[in-house]
PDB file of N, CA and C in Angstrom:
ATOM      1  N   MET A   1    -139.135 191.589  -9.274  1.00  0.00           N
ATOM      2  CA  MET A   1    -139.125 191.151 -10.656  1.00  0.00           C
ATOM      3  C   MET A   1    -137.693 191.025 -11.183  1.00  0.00           C
ATOM      4  N   ALA A   2    -136.848 191.925 -10.807  1.00  0.00           N
ATOM      5  CA  ALA A   2    -135.457 191.869 -11.263  1.00  0.00           C
ATOM      6  C   ALA A   2    -134.754 190.629 -10.726  1.00  0.00           C
ATOM      7  N   ALA A   3    -135.094 190.209  -9.512  1.00  0.00           N
ATOM      8  CA  ALA A   3    -134.462 189.019  -8.929  1.00  0.00           C
ATOM      9  C   ALA A   3    -134.820 187.775  -9.720  1.00  0.00           C
ATOM     10  N   SER A   4    -136.053 187.646 -10.174  1.00  0.00           N
ATOM     11  CA  SER A   4    -136.442 186.460 -10.935  1.00  0.00           C
ATOM     12  C   SER A   4    -135.747 186.421 -12.290  1.00  0.00           C
ATOM     13  N   VAL A   5    -135.499 187.556 -12.887  1.00  0.00           N
ATOM     14  CA  VAL A   5    -134.775 187.607 -14.155  1.00  0.00           C
ATOM     15  C   VAL A   5    -133.332 187.168 -13.923  1.00  0.00           C
ATOM     16  N   ALA A   6    -132.732 187.624 -12.833  1.00  0.00           N
ATOM     17  CA  ALA A   6    -131.355 187.245 -12.524  1.00  0.00           C
ATOM     18  C   ALA A   6    -131.260 185.745 -12.292  1.00  0.00           C
ATOM     19  N   CYS A   7    -132.218 185.160 -11.561  1.00  0.00           N
ATOM     20  CA  CYS A   7    -132.206 183.719 -11.304  1.00  0.00           C
ATOM     21  C   CYS A   7    -132.357 182.944 -12.598  1.00  0.00           C
ATOM     22  N   ALA A   8    -133.272 183.378 -13.451  1.00  0.00           N
ATOM     23  CA  ALA A   8    -133.472 182.688 -14.723  1.00  0.00           C
ATOM     24  C   ALA A   8    -132.200 182.735 -15.557  1.00  0.00           C
ATOM     25  N   PHE A   9    -131.526 183.877 -15.547  1.00  0.00           N
ATOM     26  CA  PHE A   9    -130.284 184.000 -16.300  1.00  0.00           C
ATOM     27  C   PHE A   9    -129.222 183.053 -15.743  1.00  0.00           C
ATOM     28  N   PHE A  10    -129.111 182.973 -14.422  1.00  0.00           N
ATOM     29  CA  PHE A  10    -128.109 182.113 -13.802  1.00  0.00           C
ATOM     30  C   PHE A  10    -128.312 180.657 -14.184  1.00  0.00           C
ATOM     31  N   PHE A  11    -129.533 180.154 -14.110  1.00  0.00           N
ATOM     32  CA  PHE A  11    -129.782 178.748 -14.385  1.00  0.00           C
ATOM     33  C   PHE A  11    -129.775 178.413 -15.866  1.00  0.00           C
ATOM     34  N   ASP A  12    -129.949 179.391 -16.728  1.00  0.00           N
ATOM     35  CA  ASP A  12    -129.907 179.144 -18.164  1.00  0.00           C
ATOM     36  C   ASP A  12    -128.506 179.284 -18.743  1.00  0.00           C
ATOM     37  N   ALA A  13    -127.571 179.699 -17.931  1.00  0.00           N
ATOM     38  CA  ALA A  13    -126.206 179.915 -18.423  1.00  0.00           C
ATOM     39  C   ALA A  13    -125.567 178.596 -18.838  1.00  0.00           C
ATOM     40  N   GLU A  14    -124.736 178.683 -19.880  1.00  0.00           N
ATOM     41  CA  GLU A  14    -124.034 177.497 -20.372  1.00  0.00           C
ATOM     42  C   GLU A  14    -122.709 177.364 -19.651  1.00  0.00           C
ATOM     43  N   PRO A  15    -122.214 176.135 -19.469  1.00  0.00           N
ATOM     44  CA  PRO A  15    -120.894 175.965 -18.852  1.00  0.00           C
ATOM     45  C   PRO A  15    -119.810 176.587 -19.724  1.00  0.00           C
ATOM     46  N   VAL A  16    -118.786 177.119 -19.102  1.00  0.00           N
ATOM     47  CA  VAL A  16    -117.678 177.729 -19.828  1.00  0.00           C
ATOM     48  C   VAL A  16    -116.974 176.659 -20.653  1.00  0.00           C
ATOM     49  N   GLY A  17    -116.677 176.967 -21.905  1.00  0.00           N
ATOM     50  CA  GLY A  17    -115.932 176.055 -22.753  1.00  0.00           C
ATOM     51  C   GLY A  17    -116.787 175.038 -23.492  1.00  0.00           C
ATOM     52  N   GLU A  18    -118.073 174.950 -23.193  1.00  0.00           N
ATOM     53  CA  GLU A  18    -118.947 174.004 -23.878  1.00  0.00           C
ATOM     54  C   GLU A  18    -120.219 174.716 -24.330  1.00  0.00           C
ATOM     55  N   PRO A  19    -120.135 175.571 -25.331  1.00  0.00           N
ATOM     56  CA  PRO A  19    -121.322 176.288 -25.771  1.00  0.00           C
ATOM     57  C   PRO A  19    -122.391 175.338 -26.311  1.00  0.00           C
ATOM     58  N   GLY A  20    -123.633 175.622 -25.954  1.00  0.00           N
ATOM     59  CA  GLY A  20    -124.749 174.818 -26.454  1.00  0.00           C
ATOM     60  C   GLY A  20    -124.989 173.539 -25.681  1.00  0.00           C
ATOM     61  N   ARG A  21    -124.245 173.293 -24.627  1.00  0.00           N
ATOM     62  CA  ARG A  21    -124.411 172.059 -23.867  1.00  0.00           C
ATOM     63  C   ARG A  21    -124.473 172.361 -22.378  1.00  0.00           C
ATOM     64  N   HIS A  22    -125.551 171.973 -21.746  1.00  0.00           N
ATOM     65  CA  HIS A  22    -125.691 172.189 -20.313  1.00  0.00           C
ATOM     66  C   HIS A  22    -124.971 171.074 -19.568  1.00  0.00           C
ATOM     67  N   ALA A  23    -124.611 171.335 -18.332  1.00  0.00           N
ATOM     68  CA  ALA A  23    -123.775 170.421 -17.556  1.00  0.00           C
ATOM     69  C   ALA A  23    -124.410 169.057 -17.334  1.00  0.00           C
ATOM     70  N   LEU A  24    -125.725 168.960 -17.211  1.00  0.00           N
ATOM     71  CA  LEU A  24    -126.368 167.680 -16.901  1.00  0.00           C
ATOM     72  C   LEU A  24    -127.179 167.132 -18.073  1.00  0.00           C
ATOM     73  N   ASP A  25    -126.765 167.419 -19.289  1.00  0.00           N
ATOM     74  CA  ASP A  25    -127.506 166.935 -20.455  1.00  0.00           C
ATOM     75  C   ASP A  25    -127.130 165.534 -20.895  1.00  0.00           C
ATOM     76  N   ALA A  26    -125.905 165.099 -20.632  1.00  0.00           N
ATOM     77  CA  ALA A  26    -125.448 163.803 -21.143  1.00  0.00           C
ATOM     78  C   ALA A  26    -124.497 163.131 -20.164  1.00  0.00           C
ATOM     79  N   CYS A  27    -124.443 161.814 -20.249  1.00  0.00           N
ATOM     80  CA  CYS A  27    -123.538 161.010 -19.434  1.00  0.00           C
ATOM     81  C   CYS A  27    -122.095 161.356 -19.810  1.00  0.00           C
ATOM     82  N   ALA A  28    -121.266 161.533 -18.815  1.00  0.00           N
ATOM     83  CA  ALA A  28    -119.867 161.902 -19.052  1.00  0.00           C
ATOM     84  C   ALA A  28    -119.061 160.774 -19.685  1.00  0.00           C
ATOM     85  N   LEU A  29    -119.537 159.526 -19.587  1.00  0.00           N
ATOM     86  CA  LEU A  29    -118.785 158.402 -20.142  1.00  0.00           C
ATOM     87  C   LEU A  29    -119.298 158.001 -21.522  1.00  0.00           C
ATOM     88  N   CYS A  30    -120.589 157.727 -21.617  1.00  0.00           N
ATOM     89  CA  CYS A  30    -121.126 157.206 -22.885  1.00  0.00           C
ATOM     90  C   CYS A  30    -121.866 158.255 -23.715  1.00  0.00           C
ATOM     91  N   ALA A  31    -122.025 159.455 -23.179  1.00  0.00           N
ATOM     92  CA  ALA A  31    -122.681 160.579 -23.856  1.00  0.00           C
ATOM     93  C   ALA A  31    -124.174 160.344 -24.106  1.00  0.00           C
ATOM     94  N   LYS A  32    -124.755 159.376 -23.454  1.00  0.00           N
ATOM     95  CA  LYS A  32    -126.196 159.133 -23.568  1.00  0.00           C
ATOM     96  C   LYS A  32    -126.936 160.313 -22.936  1.00  0.00           C
ATOM     97  N   PRO A  33    -127.968 160.830 -23.617  1.00  0.00           N
ATOM     98  CA  PRO A  33    -128.716 161.952 -23.030  1.00  0.00           C
ATOM     99  C   PRO A  33    -129.343 161.547 -21.694  1.00  0.00           C
ATOM    100  N   LEU A  34    -129.295 162.468 -20.741  1.00  0.00           N
ATOM    101  CA  LEU A  34    -129.868 162.218 -19.428  1.00  0.00           C
ATOM    102  C   LEU A  34    -131.313 162.714 -19.407  1.00  0.00           C
ATOM    103  N   ALA A  35    -132.214 161.843 -19.011  1.00  0.00           N
ATOM    104  CA  ALA A  35    -133.631 162.200 -18.933  1.00  0.00           C
ATOM    105  C   ALA A  35    -133.884 162.961 -17.643  1.00  0.00           C
ATOM    106  N   ARG A  36    -134.739 163.962 -17.712  1.00  0.00           N
ATOM    107  CA  ARG A  36    -135.047 164.780 -16.532  1.00  0.00           C
ATOM    108  C   ARG A  36    -135.850 164.002 -15.492  1.00  0.00           C
ATOM    109  N   ASP A  37    -136.532 162.926 -15.908  1.00  0.00           N
ATOM    110  CA  ASP A  37    -137.366 162.161 -14.978  1.00  0.00           C
ATOM    111  C   ASP A  37    -136.668 160.904 -14.455  1.00  0.00           C
ATOM    112  N   ARG A  38    -135.371 160.752 -14.720  1.00  0.00           N
ATOM    113  CA  ARG A  38    -134.602 159.588 -14.271  1.00  0.00           C
ATOM    114  C   ARG A  38    -133.516 160.021 -13.304  1.00  0.00           C
ATOM    115  N   ASP A  39    -132.991 159.066 -12.553  1.00  0.00           N
ATOM    116  CA  ASP A  39    -131.891 159.352 -11.639  1.00  0.00           C
ATOM    117  C   ASP A  39    -130.633 159.702 -12.425  1.00  0.00           C
ATOM    118  N   VAL A  40    -129.852 160.594 -11.861  1.00  0.00           N
ATOM    119  CA  VAL A  40    -128.552 160.946 -12.414  1.00  0.00           C
ATOM    120  C   VAL A  40    -127.536 160.541 -11.353  1.00  0.00           C
ATOM    121  N   PHE A  41    -126.537 159.789 -11.753  1.00  0.00           N
ATOM    122  CA  PHE A  41    -125.525 159.279 -10.832  1.00  0.00           C
ATOM    123  C   PHE A  41    -124.297 160.184 -10.925  1.00  0.00           C
ATOM    124  N   MET A  42    -123.937 160.798  -9.807  1.00  0.00           N
ATOM    125  CA  MET A  42    -122.860 161.777  -9.799  1.00  0.00           C
ATOM    126  C   MET A  42    -121.566 161.154  -9.267  1.00  0.00           C
ATOM    127  N   TYR A  43    -120.451 161.709  -9.734  1.00  0.00           N
ATOM    128  CA  TYR A  43    -119.126 161.260  -9.292  1.00  0.00           C
ATOM    129  C   TYR A  43    -118.220 162.480  -9.247  1.00  0.00           C
ATOM    130  N   ARG A  44    -117.431 162.567  -8.227  1.00  0.00           N
ATOM    131  CA  ARG A  44    -116.507 163.680  -8.017  1.00  0.00           C
ATOM    132  C   ARG A  44    -117.217 165.022  -8.021  1.00  0.00           C
ATOM    133  N   GLY A  45    -118.387 165.037  -7.464  1.00  0.00           N
ATOM    134  CA  GLY A  45    -119.102 166.288  -7.253  1.00  0.00           C
ATOM    135  C   GLY A  45    -119.941 166.786  -8.403  1.00  0.00           C
ATOM    136  N   ASP A  46    -119.391 166.881  -9.600  1.00  0.00           N
ATOM    137  CA  ASP A  46    -120.142 167.513 -10.679  1.00  0.00           C
ATOM    138  C   ASP A  46    -120.129 166.747 -12.002  1.00  0.00           C
ATOM    139  N   THR A  47    -119.773 165.490 -11.979  1.00  0.00           N
ATOM    140  CA  THR A  47    -119.730 164.705 -13.212  1.00  0.00           C
ATOM    141  C   THR A  47    -120.920 163.753 -13.244  1.00  0.00           C
ATOM    142  N   PRO A  48    -121.845 163.937 -14.209  1.00  0.00           N
ATOM    143  CA  PRO A  48    -123.061 163.111 -14.261  1.00  0.00           C
ATOM    144  C   PRO A  48    -122.885 161.837 -15.095  1.00  0.00           C
ATOM    145  N   PHE A  49    -123.575 160.785 -14.664  1.00  0.00           N
ATOM    146  CA  PHE A  49    -123.575 159.512 -15.384  1.00  0.00           C
ATOM    147  C   PHE A  49    -125.009 159.004 -15.482  1.00  0.00           C
ATOM    148  N   CYS A  50    -125.297 158.263 -16.542  1.00  0.00           N
ATOM    149  CA  CYS A  50    -126.651 157.774 -16.778  1.00  0.00           C
ATOM    150  C   CYS A  50    -126.988 156.558 -15.927  1.00  0.00           C
ATOM    151  N   SER A  51    -125.980 155.840 -15.461  1.00  0.00           N
ATOM    152  CA  SER A  51    -126.234 154.621 -14.694  1.00  0.00           C
ATOM    153  C   SER A  51    -125.098 154.381 -13.705  1.00  0.00           C
ATOM    154  N   GLU A  52    -125.362 153.481 -12.774  1.00  0.00           N
ATOM    155  CA  GLU A  52    -124.309 153.099 -11.837  1.00  0.00           C
ATOM    156  C   GLU A  52    -123.160 152.416 -12.573  1.00  0.00           C
ATOM    157  N   ASP A  53    -123.496 151.670 -13.634  1.00  0.00           N
ATOM    158  CA  ASP A  53    -122.453 150.983 -14.411  1.00  0.00           C
ATOM    159  C   ASP A  53    -121.468 151.970 -15.028  1.00  0.00           C
ATOM    160  N   CYS A  54    -121.991 153.045 -15.633  1.00  0.00           N
ATOM    161  CA  CYS A  54    -121.107 154.048 -16.233  1.00  0.00           C
ATOM    162  C   CYS A  54    -120.271 154.734 -15.154  1.00  0.00           C
ATOM    163  N   ARG A  55    -120.894 155.048 -14.027  1.00  0.00           N
ATOM    164  CA  ARG A  55    -120.153 155.692 -12.944  1.00  0.00           C
ATOM    165  C   ARG A  55    -119.040 154.779 -12.425  1.00  0.00           C
ATOM    166  N   HIS A  56    -119.344 153.495 -12.228  1.00  0.00           N
ATOM    167  CA  HIS A  56    -118.328 152.556 -11.739  1.00  0.00           C
ATOM    168  C   HIS A  56    -117.219 152.342 -12.771  1.00  0.00           C
ATOM    169  N   GLU A  57    -117.575 152.351 -14.042  1.00  0.00           N
ATOM    170  CA  GLU A  57    -116.554 152.219 -15.087  1.00  0.00           C
ATOM    171  C   GLU A  57    -115.596 153.412 -15.042  1.00  0.00           C
ATOM    172  N   GLN A  58    -116.135 154.624 -14.860  1.00  0.00           N
ATOM    173  CA  GLN A  58    -115.278 155.805 -14.755  1.00  0.00           C
ATOM    174  C   GLN A  58    -114.389 155.720 -13.524  1.00  0.00           C
ATOM    175  N   MET A  59    -114.934 155.235 -12.423  1.00  0.00           N
ATOM    176  CA  MET A  59    -114.133 155.067 -11.202  1.00  0.00           C
ATOM    177  C   MET A  59    -112.999 154.076 -11.434  1.00  0.00           C
ATOM    178  N   ARG A  60    -113.293 152.983 -12.132  1.00  0.00           N
ATOM    179  CA  ARG A  60    -112.282 151.973 -12.445  1.00  0.00           C
ATOM    180  C   ARG A  60    -111.184 152.571 -13.333  1.00  0.00           C
ATOM    181  N   LEU A  61    -111.587 153.337 -14.337  1.00  0.00           N
ATOM    182  CA  LEU A  61    -110.616 153.984 -15.224  1.00  0.00           C
ATOM    183  C   LEU A  61    -109.736 154.974 -14.454  1.00  0.00           C
ATOM    184  N   ASP A  62    -110.353 155.731 -13.550  1.00  0.00           N
ATOM    185  CA  ASP A  62    -109.587 156.681 -12.741  1.00  0.00           C
ATOM    186  C   ASP A  62    -108.587 155.957 -11.836  1.00  0.00           C
ATOM    187  N   ASP A  63    -109.013 154.827 -11.263  1.00  0.00           N
ATOM    188  CA  ASP A  63    -108.111 154.046 -10.403  1.00  0.00           C
ATOM    189  C   ASP A  63    -106.922 153.519 -11.200  1.00  0.00           C
ATOM    190  N   ARG A  64    -107.180 153.020 -12.409  1.00  0.00           N
ATOM    191  CA  ARG A  64    -106.094 152.505 -13.249  1.00  0.00           C
ATOM    192  C   ARG A  64    -105.126 153.625 -13.620  1.00  0.00           C
ATOM    193  N   HIS A  65    -105.690 154.790 -13.950  1.00  0.00           N
ATOM    194  CA  HIS A  65    -104.861 155.937 -14.312  1.00  0.00           C
ATOM    195  C   HIS A  65    -103.999 156.365 -13.129  1.00  0.00           C
ATOM    196  N   ALA A  66    -104.588 156.412 -11.945  1.00  0.00           N
ATOM    197  CA  ALA A  66    -103.834 156.795 -10.747  1.00  0.00           C
ATOM    198  C   ALA A  66    -102.743 155.770 -10.428  1.00  0.00           C
ATOM    199  N   ALA A  67    -103.047 154.495 -10.605  1.00  0.00           N
ATOM    200  CA  ALA A  67    -102.053 153.447 -10.339  1.00  0.00           C
ATOM    201  C   ALA A  67    -100.887 153.564 -11.316  1.00  0.00           C
ATOM    202  N   ARG A  68    -101.172 153.823 -12.595  1.00  0.00           N
ATOM    203  CA  ARG A  68    -100.106 153.992 -13.589  1.00  0.00           C
ATOM    204  C   ARG A  68     -99.249 155.205 -13.270  1.00  0.00           C
ATOM    205  N   ARG A  69     -99.905 156.295 -12.871  1.00  0.00           N
ATOM    206  CA  ARG A  69     -99.177 157.509 -12.524  1.00  0.00           C
ATOM    207  C   ARG A  69     -98.285 157.253 -11.310  1.00  0.00           C
ATOM    208  N   GLN A  70     -98.809 156.542 -10.306  1.00  0.00           N
ATOM    209  CA  GLN A  70     -98.022 156.227  -9.106  1.00  0.00           C
ATOM    210  C   GLN A  70     -96.841 155.327  -9.459  1.00  0.00           C
ATOM    211  N   GLN A  71     -97.082 154.350 -10.337  1.00  0.00           N
ATOM    212  CA  GLN A  71     -96.013 153.442 -10.752  1.00  0.00           C
ATOM    213  C   GLN A  71     -94.933 154.222 -11.502  1.00  0.00           C
ATOM    214  N   ARG A  72     -95.350 155.111 -12.388  1.00  0.00           N
ATOM    215  CA  ARG A  72     -94.400 155.923 -13.151  1.00  0.00           C
ATOM    216  C   ARG A  72     -93.588 156.813 -12.215  1.00  0.00           C
ATOM    217  N   TYR A  73     -94.257 157.394 -11.212  1.00  0.00           N
ATOM    218  CA  TYR A  73     -93.564 158.246 -10.251  1.00  0.00           C
ATOM    219  C   TYR A  73     -92.564 157.433  -9.434  1.00  0.00           C
ATOM    220  N   SER A  74     -92.991 156.263  -8.968  1.00  0.00           N
ATOM    221  CA  SER A  74     -92.113 155.417  -8.153  1.00  0.00           C
ATOM    222  C   SER A  74     -90.898 154.959  -8.941  1.00  0.00           C
ATOM    223  N   SER A  75     -91.092 154.506 -10.167  1.00  0.00           N
ATOM    224  CA  SER A  75     -89.959 154.039 -10.970  1.00  0.00           C
ATOM    225  C   SER A  75     -89.079 155.210 -11.382  1.00  0.00           C
ATOM    226  N   GLY A  76     -89.661 156.372 -11.583  1.00  0.00           N
ATOM    227  CA  GLY A  76     -88.884 157.556 -11.947  1.00  0.00           C
ATOM    228  C   GLY A  76     -87.952 157.993 -10.841  1.00  0.00           C
ATOM    229  N   THR A  77     -88.398 157.918  -9.602  1.00  0.00           N
ATOM    230  CA  THR A  77     -87.528 158.319  -8.501  1.00  0.00           C
ATOM    231  C   THR A  77     -86.411 157.305  -8.296  1.00  0.00           C
ATOM    232  N   ALA A  78     -86.690 156.022  -8.500  1.00  0.00           N
ATOM    233  CA  ALA A  78     -85.647 155.001  -8.372  1.00  0.00           C
ATOM    234  C   ALA A  78     -84.607 155.179  -9.468  1.00  0.00           C
ATOM    235  N   GLU A  79     -85.048 155.478 -10.686  1.00  0.00           N
ATOM    236  CA  GLU A  79     -84.116 155.678 -11.791  1.00  0.00           C
ATOM    237  C   GLU A  79     -83.264 156.915 -11.560  1.00  0.00           C
ATOM    238  N   SER A  80     -83.853 157.963 -11.014  1.00  0.00           N
ATOM    239  CA  SER A  80     -83.065 159.169 -10.799  1.00  0.00           C
ATOM    240  C   SER A  80     -82.025 158.937  -9.713  1.00  0.00           C
ATOM    241  N   ARG A  81     -82.330 158.094  -8.728  1.00  0.00           N
ATOM    242  CA  ARG A  81     -81.335 157.777  -7.703  1.00  0.00           C
ATOM    243  C   ARG A  81     -80.205 156.944  -8.287  1.00  0.00           C
ATOM    244  N   ARG A  82     -80.509 156.044  -9.211  1.00  0.00           N
ATOM    245  CA  ARG A  82     -79.473 155.218  -9.831  1.00  0.00           C
ATOM    246  C   ARG A  82     -78.536 156.061 -10.678  1.00  0.00           C
ATOM    247  N   GLY A  83     -79.066 157.121 -11.290  1.00  0.00           N
ATOM    248  CA  GLY A  83     -78.266 157.953 -12.181  1.00  0.00           C
ATOM    249  C   GLY A  83     -77.366 158.937 -11.460  1.00  0.00           C
ATOM    250  N   GLN A  84     -77.557 159.119 -10.168  1.00  0.00           N
ATOM    251  CA  GLN A  84     -76.740 160.071  -9.427  1.00  0.00           C
ATOM    252  C   GLN A  84     -75.353 159.499  -9.161  1.00  0.00           C
ATOM    253  N   ARG A  85     -74.390 160.370  -9.128  1.00  0.00           N
ATOM    254  CA  ARG A  85     -73.025 159.956  -8.812  1.00  0.00           C
ATOM    255  C   ARG A  85     -72.906 159.706  -7.320  1.00  0.00           C
ATOM    256  N   GLU A  86     -72.053 158.765  -7.001  1.00  0.00           N
ATOM    257  CA  GLU A  86     -71.786 158.492  -5.599  1.00  0.00           C
ATOM    258  C   GLU A  86     -70.733 159.493  -5.125  1.00  0.00           C
ATOM    259  N   VAL A  87     -70.998 160.119  -4.002  1.00  0.00           N
ATOM    260  CA  VAL A  87     -70.082 161.116  -3.473  1.00  0.00           C
ATOM    261  C   VAL A  87     -69.368 160.515  -2.268  1.00  0.00           C
ATOM    262  N   ARG A  88     -68.021 160.610  -2.283  1.00  0.00           N
ATOM    263  CA  ARG A  88     -67.213 160.107  -1.175  1.00  0.00           C
ATOM    264  C   ARG A  88     -66.337 161.227  -0.651  1.00  0.00           C
ATOM    265  N   LYS A  89     -66.133 161.208   0.627  1.00  0.00           N
ATOM    266  CA  LYS A  89     -65.250 162.174   1.241  1.00  0.00           C
ATOM    267  C   LYS A  89     -63.836 161.584   1.214  1.00  0.00           C
ATOM    268  N   VAL A  90     -62.904 162.341   0.678  1.00  0.00           N
ATOM    269  CA  VAL A  90     -61.521 161.867   0.551  1.00  0.00           C
ATOM    270  C   VAL A  90     -60.605 162.866   1.214  1.00  0.00           C
ATOM    271  N   SER A  91     -59.705 162.349   2.028  1.00  0.00           N
ATOM    272  CA  SER A  91     -58.709 163.214   2.681  1.00  0.00           C
ATOM    273  C   SER A  91     -57.493 163.318   1.795  1.00  0.00           C
ATOM    274  N   MET A  92     -56.992 164.519   1.665  1.00  0.00           N
ATOM    275  CA  MET A  92     -55.804 164.737   0.819  1.00  0.00           C
ATOM    276  C   MET A  92     -54.767 165.501   1.643  1.00  0.00           C
ATOM    277  N   SER A  93     -53.526 165.104   1.479  1.00  0.00           N
ATOM    278  CA  SER A  93     -52.447 165.848   2.130  1.00  0.00           C
ATOM    279  C   SER A  93     -51.618 166.499   1.034  1.00  0.00           C
ATOM    280  N   ILE A  94     -51.278 167.724   1.275  1.00  0.00           N
ATOM    281  CA  ILE A  94     -50.513 168.467   0.295  1.00  0.00           C
ATOM    282  C   ILE A  94     -49.055 168.490   0.767  1.00  0.00           C
ATOM    283  N   ALA A  95     -48.138 167.989  -0.078  1.00  0.00           N
ATOM    284  CA  ALA A  95     -46.708 167.981   0.287  1.00  0.00           C
ATOM    285  C   ALA A  95     -46.074 169.279  -0.153  1.00  0.00           C
ATOM    286  N   SER A  96     -45.275 169.861   0.710  1.00  0.00           N
ATOM    287  CA  SER A  96     -44.616 171.108   0.340  1.00  0.00           C
ATOM    288  C   SER A  96     -43.141 170.931   0.101  1.00  0.00           C
TER     289      SER A  96
END
């Protein structure tokens, strides 16, 4: 009997940081409520979507975000190389 109470408690628990909202209650993109008798489309393991369209839209947004981040990183490294001083080895003789 104690095991069934523990299981019920585990499955009724709310996600951390979102009181009053269970993890699979709404689409992560459009916030449309997810029906228990309909398919739920998952992305990145634990993110639910109401349709393939919403899931693909999120994938497209993630790709654009990653491309912008990569572009920013690439241009940032080129700019930092341009800003560095050029170092040359120079021989000096000291006259006494």
